[in-house]
């Protein structure tokens, strides 16, 4: 099984094979995966998830969410919401609205 993890040394997100983990330690409230290749933190922030998933079409919509572009049915510029193919709506900040419109070629 592969885990997305933040490499403490390189400061990059990597896929960590569970079989490479020697032990997991919680230290001062922070979880660390220890391997023979170094220490890793589990992915916990939305920004880390965005970084991990950006190659799969995920983009930031605001400070609280990311969406997969191929799941966007429409963008409402007036309400600043993205409607997804499943009917859910996600808020989109003004800054992200321009980027998403450009990525979807809706400008």
PDB file of N, CA and C in Angstrom:
ATOM      1  N   UNK A   1       0.847  -1.180   0.000  1.00  0.00           N
ATOM      2  CA  UNK A   1       0.000   0.000   0.000  1.00  0.00           C
ATOM      3  C   UNK A   1       0.890   1.238   0.000  1.00  0.00           C
ATOM      4  N   UNK A   2       0.513   2.215  -0.790  1.00  0.00           N
ATOM      5  CA  UNK A   2       1.265   3.457  -0.879  1.00  0.00           C
ATOM      6  C   UNK A   2       0.534   4.561  -0.111  1.00  0.00           C
ATOM      7  N   UNK A   3       1.318   5.359   0.607  1.00  0.00           N
ATOM      8  CA  UNK A   3       0.776   6.489   1.371  1.00  0.00           C
ATOM      9  C   UNK A   3       1.369   7.792   0.849  1.00  0.00           C
ATOM     10  N   UNK A   4       0.540   8.802   0.639  1.00  0.00           N
ATOM     11  CA  UNK A   4       1.126  10.100   0.324  1.00  0.00           C
ATOM     12  C   UNK A   4       1.746  10.651   1.609  1.00  0.00           C
ATOM     13  N   UNK A   5       2.982  11.129   1.506  1.00  0.00           N
ATOM     14  CA  UNK A   5       3.676  11.618   2.704  1.00  0.00           C
ATOM     15  C   UNK A   5       4.609  12.761   2.325  1.00  0.00           C
ATOM     16  N   UNK A   6       4.844  13.636   3.286  1.00  0.00           N
ATOM     17  CA  UNK A   6       5.716  14.788   3.108  1.00  0.00           C
ATOM     18  C   UNK A   6       7.102  14.443   3.618  1.00  0.00           C
ATOM     19  N   UNK A   7       8.096  14.452   2.726  1.00  0.00           N
ATOM     20  CA  UNK A   7       9.476  14.149   3.087  1.00  0.00           C
ATOM     21  C   UNK A   7      10.042  15.356   3.836  1.00  0.00           C
ATOM     22  N   UNK A   8      10.423  15.157   5.087  1.00  0.00           N
ATOM     23  CA  UNK A   8      10.904  16.252   5.927  1.00  0.00           C
ATOM     24  C   UNK A   8      12.205  16.843   5.381  1.00  0.00           C
ATOM     25  N   UNK A   9      13.067  16.019   4.813  1.00  0.00           N
ATOM     26  CA  UNK A   9      14.359  16.479   4.306  1.00  0.00           C
ATOM     27  C   UNK A   9      14.233  17.248   2.997  1.00  0.00           C
ATOM     28  N   UNK A  10      13.546  16.656   2.018  1.00  0.00           N
ATOM     29  CA  UNK A  10      13.446  17.286   0.698  1.00  0.00           C
ATOM     30  C   UNK A  10      12.307  18.288   0.608  1.00  0.00           C
ATOM     31  N   UNK A  11      11.398  18.249   1.576  1.00  0.00           N
ATOM     32  CA  UNK A  11      10.222  19.120   1.604  1.00  0.00           C
ATOM     33  C   UNK A  11       9.322  18.912   0.381  1.00  0.00           C
ATOM     34  N   UNK A  12       9.263  17.664  -0.067  1.00  0.00           N
ATOM     35  CA  UNK A  12       8.415  17.307  -1.191  1.00  0.00           C
ATOM     36  C   UNK A  12       7.440  16.205  -0.794  1.00  0.00           C
ATOM     37  N   UNK A  13       6.322  16.164  -1.495  1.00  0.00           N
ATOM     38  CA  UNK A  13       5.344  15.114  -1.263  1.00  0.00           C
ATOM     39  C   UNK A  13       5.732  13.912  -2.115  1.00  0.00           C
ATOM     40  N   UNK A  14       5.760  12.746  -1.488  1.00  0.00           N
ATOM     41  CA  UNK A  14       6.140  11.512  -2.164  1.00  0.00           C
ATOM     42  C   UNK A  14       5.133  10.423  -1.820  1.00  0.00           C
ATOM     43  N   UNK A  15       5.125   9.392  -2.632  1.00  0.00           N
ATOM     44  CA  UNK A  15       4.337   8.205  -2.314  1.00  0.00           C
ATOM     45  C   UNK A  15       5.258   7.264  -1.547  1.00  0.00           C
ATOM     46  N   UNK A  16       4.875   6.957  -0.337  1.00  0.00           N
ATOM     47  CA  UNK A  16       5.687   6.147   0.564  1.00  0.00           C
ATOM     48  C   UNK A  16       5.083   4.750   0.656  1.00  0.00           C
ATOM     49  N   UNK A  17       5.884   3.750   0.388  1.00  0.00           N
ATOM     50  CA  UNK A  17       5.418   2.371   0.484  1.00  0.00           C
ATOM     51  C   UNK A  17       5.345   1.992   1.971  1.00  0.00           C
ATOM     52  N   UNK A  18       4.210   1.475   2.402  1.00  0.00           N
ATOM     53  CA  UNK A  18       4.018   1.092   3.802  1.00  0.00           C
ATOM     54  C   UNK A  18       5.081   0.095   4.251  1.00  0.00           C
ATOM     55  N   UNK A  19       5.519  -0.755   3.352  1.00  0.00           N
ATOM     56  CA  UNK A  19       6.538  -1.746   3.719  1.00  0.00           C
ATOM     57  C   UNK A  19       7.889  -1.099   4.047  1.00  0.00           C
ATOM     58  N   UNK A  20       8.084   0.158   3.657  1.00  0.00           N
ATOM     59  CA  UNK A  20       9.324   0.874   3.979  1.00  0.00           C
ATOM     60  C   UNK A  20       9.291   1.533   5.352  1.00  0.00           C
ATOM     61  N   UNK A  21       8.109   1.598   5.975  1.00  0.00           N
ATOM     62  CA  UNK A  21       7.965   2.255   7.281  1.00  0.00           C
ATOM     63  C   UNK A  21       8.434   1.307   8.379  1.00  0.00           C
ATOM     64  N   UNK A  22       9.441   1.768   9.144  1.00  0.00           N
ATOM     65  CA  UNK A  22       9.947   0.975  10.270  1.00  0.00           C
ATOM     66  C   UNK A  22       9.062   1.153  11.489  1.00  0.00           C
ATOM     67  N   UNK A  23       8.706   2.412  11.763  1.00  0.00           N
ATOM     68  CA  UNK A  23       7.791   2.684  12.872  1.00  0.00           C
ATOM     69  C   UNK A  23       7.170   4.057  12.686  1.00  0.00           C
ATOM     70  N   UNK A  24       6.077   4.281  13.415  1.00  0.00           N
ATOM     71  CA  UNK A  24       5.364   5.556  13.387  1.00  0.00           C
ATOM     72  C   UNK A  24       5.371   6.098  14.805  1.00  0.00           C
ATOM     73  N   UNK A  25       5.749   7.366  14.930  1.00  0.00           N
ATOM     74  CA  UNK A  25       5.895   7.978  16.246  1.00  0.00           C
ATOM     75  C   UNK A  25       5.118   9.285  16.297  1.00  0.00           C
ATOM     76  N   UNK A  26       4.404   9.491  17.397  1.00  0.00           N
ATOM     77  CA  UNK A  26       3.750  10.765  17.631  1.00  0.00           C
ATOM     78  C   UNK A  26       4.626  11.524  18.613  1.00  0.00           C
ATOM     79  N   UNK A  27       5.143  12.661  18.173  1.00  0.00           N
ATOM     80  CA  UNK A  27       6.084  13.435  18.972  1.00  0.00           C
ATOM     81  C   UNK A  27       5.612  14.883  19.037  1.00  0.00           C
ATOM     82  N   UNK A  28       5.309  15.365  20.229  1.00  0.00           N
ATOM     83  CA  UNK A  28       4.782  16.724  20.404  1.00  0.00           C
ATOM     84  C   UNK A  28       3.544  16.960  19.544  1.00  0.00           C
ATOM     85  N   UNK A  29       2.707  15.957  19.449  1.00  0.00           N
ATOM     86  CA  UNK A  29       1.465  16.063  18.700  1.00  0.00           C
ATOM     87  C   UNK A  29       1.620  15.885  17.199  1.00  0.00           C
ATOM     88  N   UNK A  30       2.840  15.624  16.724  1.00  0.00           N
ATOM     89  CA  UNK A  30       3.098  15.477  15.295  1.00  0.00           C
ATOM     90  C   UNK A  30       3.434  14.015  14.980  1.00  0.00           C
ATOM     91  N   UNK A  31       2.739  13.455  14.001  1.00  0.00           N
ATOM     92  CA  UNK A  31       2.996  12.073  13.597  1.00  0.00           C
ATOM     93  C   UNK A  31       4.139  12.061  12.587  1.00  0.00           C
ATOM     94  N   UNK A  32       5.061  11.113  12.771  1.00  0.00           N
ATOM     95  CA  UNK A  32       6.181  10.943  11.841  1.00  0.00           C
ATOM     96  C   UNK A  32       6.288   9.476  11.452  1.00  0.00           C
ATOM     97  N   UNK A  33       6.444   9.252  10.141  1.00  0.00           N
ATOM     98  CA  UNK A  33       6.761   7.922   9.649  1.00  0.00           C
ATOM     99  C   UNK A  33       8.281   7.848   9.585  1.00  0.00           C
ATOM    100  N   UNK A  34       8.864   6.830  10.183  1.00  0.00           N
ATOM    101  CA  UNK A  34      10.312   6.647  10.147  1.00  0.00           C
ATOM    102  C   UNK A  34      10.656   5.501   9.210  1.00  0.00           C
ATOM    103  N   UNK A  35      11.572   5.776   8.268  1.00  0.00           N
ATOM    104  CA  UNK A  35      12.027   4.765   7.323  1.00  0.00           C
ATOM    105  C   UNK A  35      13.554   4.789   7.292  1.00  0.00           C
ATOM    106  N   UNK A  36      14.140   3.835   6.605  1.00  0.00           N
ATOM    107  CA  UNK A  36      15.597   3.841   6.465  1.00  0.00           C
ATOM    108  C   UNK A  36      16.058   4.989   5.566  1.00  0.00           C
ATOM    109  N   UNK A  37      15.129   5.580   4.815  1.00  0.00           N
ATOM    110  CA  UNK A  37      15.444   6.701   3.923  1.00  0.00           C
ATOM    111  C   UNK A  37      15.136   8.065   4.525  1.00  0.00           C
ATOM    112  N   UNK A  38      14.658   8.106   5.762  1.00  0.00           N
ATOM    113  CA  UNK A  38      14.359   9.380   6.400  1.00  0.00           C
ATOM    114  C   UNK A  38      13.011   9.400   7.080  1.00  0.00           C
ATOM    115  N   UNK A  39      12.605  10.613   7.461  1.00  0.00           N
ATOM    116  CA  UNK A  39      11.341  10.810   8.169  1.00  0.00           C
ATOM    117  C   UNK A  39      10.336  11.523   7.269  1.00  0.00           C
ATOM    118  N   UNK A  40       9.074  11.165   7.482  1.00  0.00           N
ATOM    119  CA  UNK A  40       7.986  11.719   6.690  1.00  0.00           C
ATOM    120  C   UNK A  40       6.831  12.109   7.605  1.00  0.00           C
ATOM    121  N   UNK A  41       6.079  13.103   7.185  1.00  0.00           N
ATOM    122  CA  UNK A  41       4.824  13.457   7.852  1.00  0.00           C
ATOM    123  C   UNK A  41       3.680  12.978   6.970  1.00  0.00           C
ATOM    124  N   UNK A  42       2.579  12.532   7.581  1.00  0.00           N
ATOM    125  CA  UNK A  42       1.415  12.203   6.763  1.00  0.00           C
ATOM    126  C   UNK A  42       0.866  13.482   6.114  1.00  0.00           C
ATOM    127  N   UNK A  43       0.207  13.320   5.002  1.00  0.00           N
ATOM    128  CA  UNK A  43      -0.429  14.450   4.337  1.00  0.00           C
ATOM    129  C   UNK A  43      -1.664  14.822   5.152  1.00  0.00           C
ATOM    130  N   UNK A  44      -1.720  16.067   5.595  1.00  0.00           N
ATOM    131  CA  UNK A  44      -2.852  16.466   6.433  1.00  0.00           C
ATOM    132  C   UNK A  44      -3.515  17.761   5.987  1.00  0.00           C
ATOM    133  N   UNK A  45      -2.812  18.600   5.242  1.00  0.00           N
ATOM    134  CA  UNK A  45      -3.406  19.888   4.883  1.00  0.00           C
ATOM    135  C   UNK A  45      -4.049  19.814   3.499  1.00  0.00           C
ATOM    136  N   UNK A  46      -4.979  20.706   3.277  1.00  0.00           N
ATOM    137  CA  UNK A  46      -5.635  20.780   1.976  1.00  0.00           C
ATOM    138  C   UNK A  46      -4.623  21.154   0.898  1.00  0.00           C
ATOM    139  N   UNK A  47      -3.697  22.038   1.218  1.00  0.00           N
ATOM    140  CA  UNK A  47      -2.675  22.440   0.254  1.00  0.00           C
ATOM    141  C   UNK A  47      -1.804  21.251  -0.144  1.00  0.00           C
ATOM    142  N   UNK A  48      -1.473  20.397   0.796  1.00  0.00           N
ATOM    143  CA  UNK A  48      -0.688  19.206   0.471  1.00  0.00           C
ATOM    144  C   UNK A  48      -1.487  18.273  -0.441  1.00  0.00           C
ATOM    145  N   UNK A  49      -2.771  18.149  -0.198  1.00  0.00           N
ATOM    146  CA  UNK A  49      -3.609  17.327  -1.074  1.00  0.00           C
ATOM    147  C   UNK A  49      -3.677  17.943  -2.474  1.00  0.00           C
ATOM    148  N   UNK A  50      -3.788  19.263  -2.547  1.00  0.00           N
ATOM    149  CA  UNK A  50      -3.821  19.932  -3.847  1.00  0.00           C
ATOM    150  C   UNK A  50      -2.523  19.658  -4.620  1.00  0.00           C
ATOM    151  N   UNK A  51      -1.388  19.797  -3.929  1.00  0.00           N
ATOM    152  CA  UNK A  51      -0.101  19.542  -4.567  1.00  0.00           C
ATOM    153  C   UNK A  51      -0.011  18.103  -5.071  1.00  0.00           C
ATOM    154  N   UNK A  52      -0.471  17.189  -4.257  1.00  0.00           N
ATOM    155  CA  UNK A  52      -0.410  15.769  -4.620  1.00  0.00           C
ATOM    156  C   UNK A  52      -1.316  15.463  -5.812  1.00  0.00           C
ATOM    157  N   UNK A  53      -2.463  16.123  -5.870  1.00  0.00           N
ATOM    158  CA  UNK A  53      -3.476  15.779  -6.866  1.00  0.00           C
ATOM    159  C   UNK A  53      -3.528  16.715  -8.069  1.00  0.00           C
ATOM    160  N   UNK A  54      -2.678  17.743  -8.116  1.00  0.00           N
ATOM    161  CA  UNK A  54      -2.772  18.698  -9.220  1.00  0.00           C
ATOM    162  C   UNK A  54      -2.525  18.050 -10.583  1.00  0.00           C
ATOM    163  N   UNK A  55      -1.706  17.018 -10.642  1.00  0.00           N
ATOM    164  CA  UNK A  55      -1.485  16.320 -11.916  1.00  0.00           C
ATOM    165  C   UNK A  55      -2.719  15.535 -12.368  1.00  0.00           C
ATOM    166  N   UNK A  56      -3.685  15.395 -11.481  1.00  0.00           N
ATOM    167  CA  UNK A  56      -4.929  14.691 -11.797  1.00  0.00           C
ATOM    168  C   UNK A  56      -6.083  15.668 -12.016  1.00  0.00           C
ATOM    169  N   UNK A  57      -5.758  16.952 -12.178  1.00  0.00           N
ATOM    170  CA  UNK A  57      -6.777  17.944 -12.506  1.00  0.00           C
ATOM    171  C   UNK A  57      -7.433  18.626 -11.327  1.00  0.00           C
ATOM    172  N   UNK A  58      -6.891  18.498 -10.133  1.00  0.00           N
ATOM    173  CA  UNK A  58      -7.467  19.170  -8.974  1.00  0.00           C
ATOM    174  C   UNK A  58      -6.897  20.575  -8.849  1.00  0.00           C
ATOM    175  N   UNK A  59      -7.764  21.527  -8.555  1.00  0.00           N
ATOM    176  CA  UNK A  59      -7.360  22.916  -8.376  1.00  0.00           C
ATOM    177  C   UNK A  59      -8.023  23.492  -7.125  1.00  0.00           C
ATOM    178  N   UNK A  60      -7.391  24.489  -6.572  1.00  0.00           N
ATOM    179  CA  UNK A  60      -7.915  25.167  -5.386  1.00  0.00           C
ATOM    180  C   UNK A  60      -9.055  26.086  -5.811  1.00  0.00           C
ATOM    181  N   UNK A  61     -10.167  26.034  -5.068  1.00  0.00           N
ATOM    182  CA  UNK A  61     -11.281  26.927  -5.365  1.00  0.00           C
ATOM    183  C   UNK A  61     -11.345  28.079  -4.365  1.00  0.00           C
ATOM    184  N   UNK A  62     -10.982  27.795  -3.147  1.00  0.00           N
ATOM    185  CA  UNK A  62     -10.884  28.818  -2.098  1.00  0.00           C
ATOM    186  C   UNK A  62     -10.054  28.224  -0.969  1.00  0.00           C
ATOM    187  N   UNK A  63     -10.049  28.854   0.178  1.00  0.00           N
ATOM    188  CA  UNK A  63      -9.203  28.354   1.264  1.00  0.00           C
ATOM    189  C   UNK A  63      -9.692  27.028   1.845  1.00  0.00           C
ATOM    190  N   UNK A  64     -10.924  26.632   1.520  1.00  0.00           N
ATOM    191  CA  UNK A  64     -11.497  25.441   2.134  1.00  0.00           C
ATOM    192  C   UNK A  64     -11.717  24.256   1.209  1.00  0.00           C
ATOM    193  N   UNK A  65     -11.441  24.408  -0.087  1.00  0.00           N
ATOM    194  CA  UNK A  65     -11.757  23.292  -0.972  1.00  0.00           C
ATOM    195  C   UNK A  65     -10.893  23.258  -2.233  1.00  0.00           C
ATOM    196  N   UNK A  66     -10.808  22.058  -2.791  1.00  0.00           N
ATOM    197  CA  UNK A  66     -10.209  21.834  -4.095  1.00  0.00           C
ATOM    198  C   UNK A  66     -11.204  20.999  -4.886  1.00  0.00           C
ATOM    199  N   UNK A  67     -11.190  21.165  -6.207  1.00  0.00           N
ATOM    200  CA  UNK A  67     -12.110  20.396  -7.049  1.00  0.00           C
ATOM    201  C   UNK A  67     -11.336  19.767  -8.205  1.00  0.00           C
ATOM    202  N   UNK A  68     -11.928  18.725  -8.750  1.00  0.00           N
ATOM    203  CA  UNK A  68     -11.377  18.088  -9.936  1.00  0.00           C
ATOM    204  C   UNK A  68     -12.043  18.749 -11.142  1.00  0.00           C
ATOM    205  N   UNK A  69     -11.230  19.350 -12.006  1.00  0.00           N
ATOM    206  CA  UNK A  69     -11.767  20.132 -13.120  1.00  0.00           C
ATOM    207  C   UNK A  69     -12.711  19.341 -14.013  1.00  0.00           C
ATOM    208  N   UNK A  70     -12.417  18.069 -14.251  1.00  0.00           N
ATOM    209  CA  UNK A  70     -13.285  17.306 -15.159  1.00  0.00           C
ATOM    210  C   UNK A  70     -14.633  16.940 -14.525  1.00  0.00           C
ATOM    211  N   UNK A  71     -14.849  17.332 -13.292  1.00  0.00           N
ATOM    212  CA  UNK A  71     -16.132  17.107 -12.628  1.00  0.00           C
ATOM    213  C   UNK A  71     -16.988  18.379 -12.597  1.00  0.00           C
ATOM    214  N   UNK A  72     -16.470  19.473 -13.186  1.00  0.00           N
ATOM    215  CA  UNK A  72     -17.194  20.747 -13.195  1.00  0.00           C
ATOM    216  C   UNK A  72     -18.188  20.759 -14.344  1.00  0.00           C
ATOM    217  N   UNK A  73     -19.453  20.987 -13.998  1.00  0.00           N
ATOM    218  CA  UNK A  73     -20.512  21.068 -15.008  1.00  0.00           C
ATOM    219  C   UNK A  73     -20.657  22.505 -15.500  1.00  0.00           C
ATOM    220  N   UNK A  74     -20.625  23.457 -14.541  1.00  0.00           N
ATOM    221  CA  UNK A  74     -20.720  24.867 -14.925  1.00  0.00           C
ATOM    222  C   UNK A  74     -20.154  25.742 -13.815  1.00  0.00           C
ATOM    223  N   UNK A  75     -19.833  26.963 -14.198  1.00  0.00           N
ATOM    224  CA  UNK A  75     -19.338  27.968 -13.261  1.00  0.00           C
ATOM    225  C   UNK A  75     -20.300  29.147 -13.318  1.00  0.00           C
ATOM    226  N   UNK A  76     -20.789  29.586 -12.174  1.00  0.00           N
ATOM    227  CA  UNK A  76     -21.645  30.764 -12.099  1.00  0.00           C
ATOM    228  C   UNK A  76     -20.798  31.913 -11.553  1.00  0.00           C
ATOM    229  N   UNK A  77     -20.461  32.851 -12.419  1.00  0.00           N
ATOM    230  CA  UNK A  77     -19.606  33.967 -12.016  1.00  0.00           C
ATOM    231  C   UNK A  77     -20.309  34.891 -11.017  1.00  0.00           C
ATOM    232  N   UNK A  78     -21.649  35.023 -11.124  1.00  0.00           N
ATOM    233  CA  UNK A  78     -22.390  35.913 -10.227  1.00  0.00           C
ATOM    234  C   UNK A  78     -22.391  35.405  -8.782  1.00  0.00           C
ATOM    235  N   UNK A  79     -22.636  34.109  -8.611  1.00  0.00           N
ATOM    236  CA  UNK A  79     -22.678  33.545  -7.258  1.00  0.00           C
ATOM    237  C   UNK A  79     -21.319  33.018  -6.821  1.00  0.00           C
ATOM    238  N   UNK A  80     -20.365  32.981  -7.776  1.00  0.00           N
ATOM    239  CA  UNK A  80     -19.021  32.459  -7.526  1.00  0.00           C
ATOM    240  C   UNK A  80     -19.081  31.029  -6.997  1.00  0.00           C
ATOM    241  N   UNK A  81     -19.809  30.192  -7.748  1.00  0.00           N
ATOM    242  CA  UNK A  81     -19.927  28.783  -7.387  1.00  0.00           C
ATOM    243  C   UNK A  81     -19.686  27.913  -8.603  1.00  0.00           C
ATOM    244  N   UNK A  82     -19.069  26.772  -8.336  1.00  0.00           N
ATOM    245  CA  UNK A  82     -18.898  25.745  -9.358  1.00  0.00           C
ATOM    246  C   UNK A  82     -19.930  24.668  -9.087  1.00  0.00           C
ATOM    247  N   UNK A  83     -20.693  24.312 -10.103  1.00  0.00           N
ATOM    248  CA  UNK A  83     -21.632  23.202  -9.987  1.00  0.00           C
ATOM    249  C   UNK A  83     -20.948  21.986 -10.593  1.00  0.00           C
ATOM    250  N   UNK A  84     -20.909  20.915  -9.818  1.00  0.00           N
ATOM    251  CA  UNK A  84     -20.251  19.691 -10.263  1.00  0.00           C
ATOM    252  C   UNK A  84     -21.261  18.763 -10.942  1.00  0.00           C
ATOM    253  N   UNK A  85     -20.770  17.775 -11.656  1.00  0.00           N
ATOM    254  CA  UNK A  85     -21.651  16.872 -12.398  1.00  0.00           C
ATOM    255  C   UNK A  85     -22.603  16.108 -11.488  1.00  0.00           C
ATOM    256  N   UNK A  86     -22.237  15.956 -10.220  1.00  0.00           N
ATOM    257  CA  UNK A  86     -23.125  15.251  -9.280  1.00  0.00           C
ATOM    258  C   UNK A  86     -24.137  16.189  -8.620  1.00  0.00           C
ATOM    259  N   UNK A  87     -24.113  17.480  -9.018  1.00  0.00           N
ATOM    260  CA  UNK A  87     -25.068  18.447  -8.484  1.00  0.00           C
ATOM    261  C   UNK A  87     -24.572  19.250  -7.299  1.00  0.00           C
ATOM    262  N   UNK A  88     -23.488  18.843  -6.689  1.00  0.00           N
ATOM    263  CA  UNK A  88     -22.925  19.617  -5.569  1.00  0.00           C
ATOM    264  C   UNK A  88     -22.388  20.945  -6.067  1.00  0.00           C
ATOM    265  N   UNK A  89     -22.450  21.943  -5.184  1.00  0.00           N
ATOM    266  CA  UNK A  89     -21.904  23.256  -5.493  1.00  0.00           C
ATOM    267  C   UNK A  89     -20.751  23.551  -4.550  1.00  0.00           C
ATOM    268  N   UNK A  90     -19.704  24.164  -5.102  1.00  0.00           N
ATOM    269  CA  UNK A  90     -18.521  24.505  -4.329  1.00  0.00           C
ATOM    270  C   UNK A  90     -18.226  25.974  -4.544  1.00  0.00           C
ATOM    271  N   UNK A  91     -17.978  26.687  -3.440  1.00  0.00           N
ATOM    272  CA  UNK A  91     -17.644  28.107  -3.525  1.00  0.00           C
ATOM    273  C   UNK A  91     -16.294  28.294  -4.217  1.00  0.00           C
ATOM    274  N   UNK A  92     -16.201  29.381  -4.992  1.00  0.00           N
ATOM    275  CA  UNK A  92     -14.972  29.693  -5.713  1.00  0.00           C
ATOM    276  C   UNK A  92     -14.604  31.147  -5.423  1.00  0.00           C
ATOM    277  N   UNK A  93     -13.375  31.364  -4.959  1.00  0.00           N
ATOM    278  CA  UNK A  93     -12.922  32.734  -4.679  1.00  0.00           C
ATOM    279  C   UNK A  93     -12.720  33.485  -5.993  1.00  0.00           C
ATOM    280  N   UNK A  94     -12.672  34.822  -5.921  1.00  0.00           N
ATOM    281  CA  UNK A  94     -12.466  35.631  -7.128  1.00  0.00           C
ATOM    282  C   UNK A  94     -11.150  35.274  -7.812  1.00  0.00           C
ATOM    283  N   UNK A  95     -10.102  35.112  -7.015  1.00  0.00           N
ATOM    284  CA  UNK A  95      -8.792  34.777  -7.576  1.00  0.00           C
ATOM    285  C   UNK A  95      -8.841  33.424  -8.283  1.00  0.00           C
ATOM    286  N   UNK A  96      -9.435  32.437  -7.638  1.00  0.00           N
ATOM    287  CA  UNK A  96      -9.510  31.091  -8.228  1.00  0.00           C
ATOM    288  C   UNK A  96     -10.465  31.042  -9.411  1.00  0.00           C
ATOM    289  N   UNK A  97     -11.493  31.893  -9.396  1.00  0.00           N
ATOM    290  CA  UNK A  97     -12.483  31.902 -10.477  1.00  0.00           C
ATOM    291  C   UNK A  97     -11.812  32.139 -11.825  1.00  0.00           C
ATOM    292  N   UNK A  98     -10.925  33.108 -11.899  1.00  0.00           N
ATOM    293  CA  UNK A  98     -10.231  33.414 -13.150  1.00  0.00           C
ATOM    294  C   UNK A  98      -9.373  32.235 -13.607  1.00  0.00           C
ATOM    295  N   UNK A  99      -8.655  31.631 -12.667  1.00  0.00           N
ATOM    296  CA  UNK A  99      -7.782  30.501 -13.002  1.00  0.00           C
ATOM    297  C   UNK A  99      -8.588  29.302 -13.490  1.00  0.00           C
ATOM    298  N   UNK A 100      -9.709  29.039 -12.832  1.00  0.00           N
ATOM    299  CA  UNK A 100     -10.543  27.901 -13.208  1.00  0.00           C
ATOM    300  C   UNK A 100     -11.195  28.138 -14.564  1.00  0.00           C
ATOM    301  N   UNK A 101     -11.691  29.350 -14.791  1.00  0.00           N
ATOM    302  CA  UNK A 101     -12.304  29.687 -16.079  1.00  0.00           C
ATOM    303  C   UNK A 101     -11.284  29.509 -17.206  1.00  0.00           C
ATOM    304  N   UNK A 102     -10.062  29.939 -16.957  1.00  0.00           N
ATOM    305  CA  UNK A 102      -8.995  29.807 -17.955  1.00  0.00           C
ATOM    306  C   UNK A 102      -8.681  28.325 -18.198  1.00  0.00           C
ATOM    307  N   UNK A 103      -8.565  27.554 -17.120  1.00  0.00           N
ATOM    308  CA  UNK A 103      -8.261  26.137 -17.250  1.00  0.00           C
ATOM    309  C   UNK A 103      -9.361  25.392 -18.002  1.00  0.00           C
ATOM    310  N   UNK A 104     -10.598  25.810 -17.787  1.00  0.00           N
ATOM    311  CA  UNK A 104     -11.735  25.183 -18.473  1.00  0.00           C
ATOM    312  C   UNK A 104     -12.002  25.805 -19.842  1.00  0.00           C
ATOM    313  N   UNK A 105     -11.205  26.835 -20.168  1.00  0.00           N
ATOM    314  CA  UNK A 105     -11.343  27.571 -21.431  1.00  0.00           C
ATOM    315  C   UNK A 105     -12.743  28.174 -21.586  1.00  0.00           C
ATOM    316  N   UNK A 106     -13.233  28.766 -20.478  1.00  0.00           N
ATOM    317  CA  UNK A 106     -14.553  29.389 -20.478  1.00  0.00           C
ATOM    318  C   UNK A 106     -14.477  30.915 -20.551  1.00  0.00           C
ATOM    319  N   UNK A 107     -13.287  31.444 -20.730  1.00  0.00           N
ATOM    320  CA  UNK A 107     -13.141  32.905 -20.775  1.00  0.00           C
ATOM    321  C   UNK A 107     -13.773  33.481 -22.012  1.00  0.00           C
TER     322      UNK A 107
END
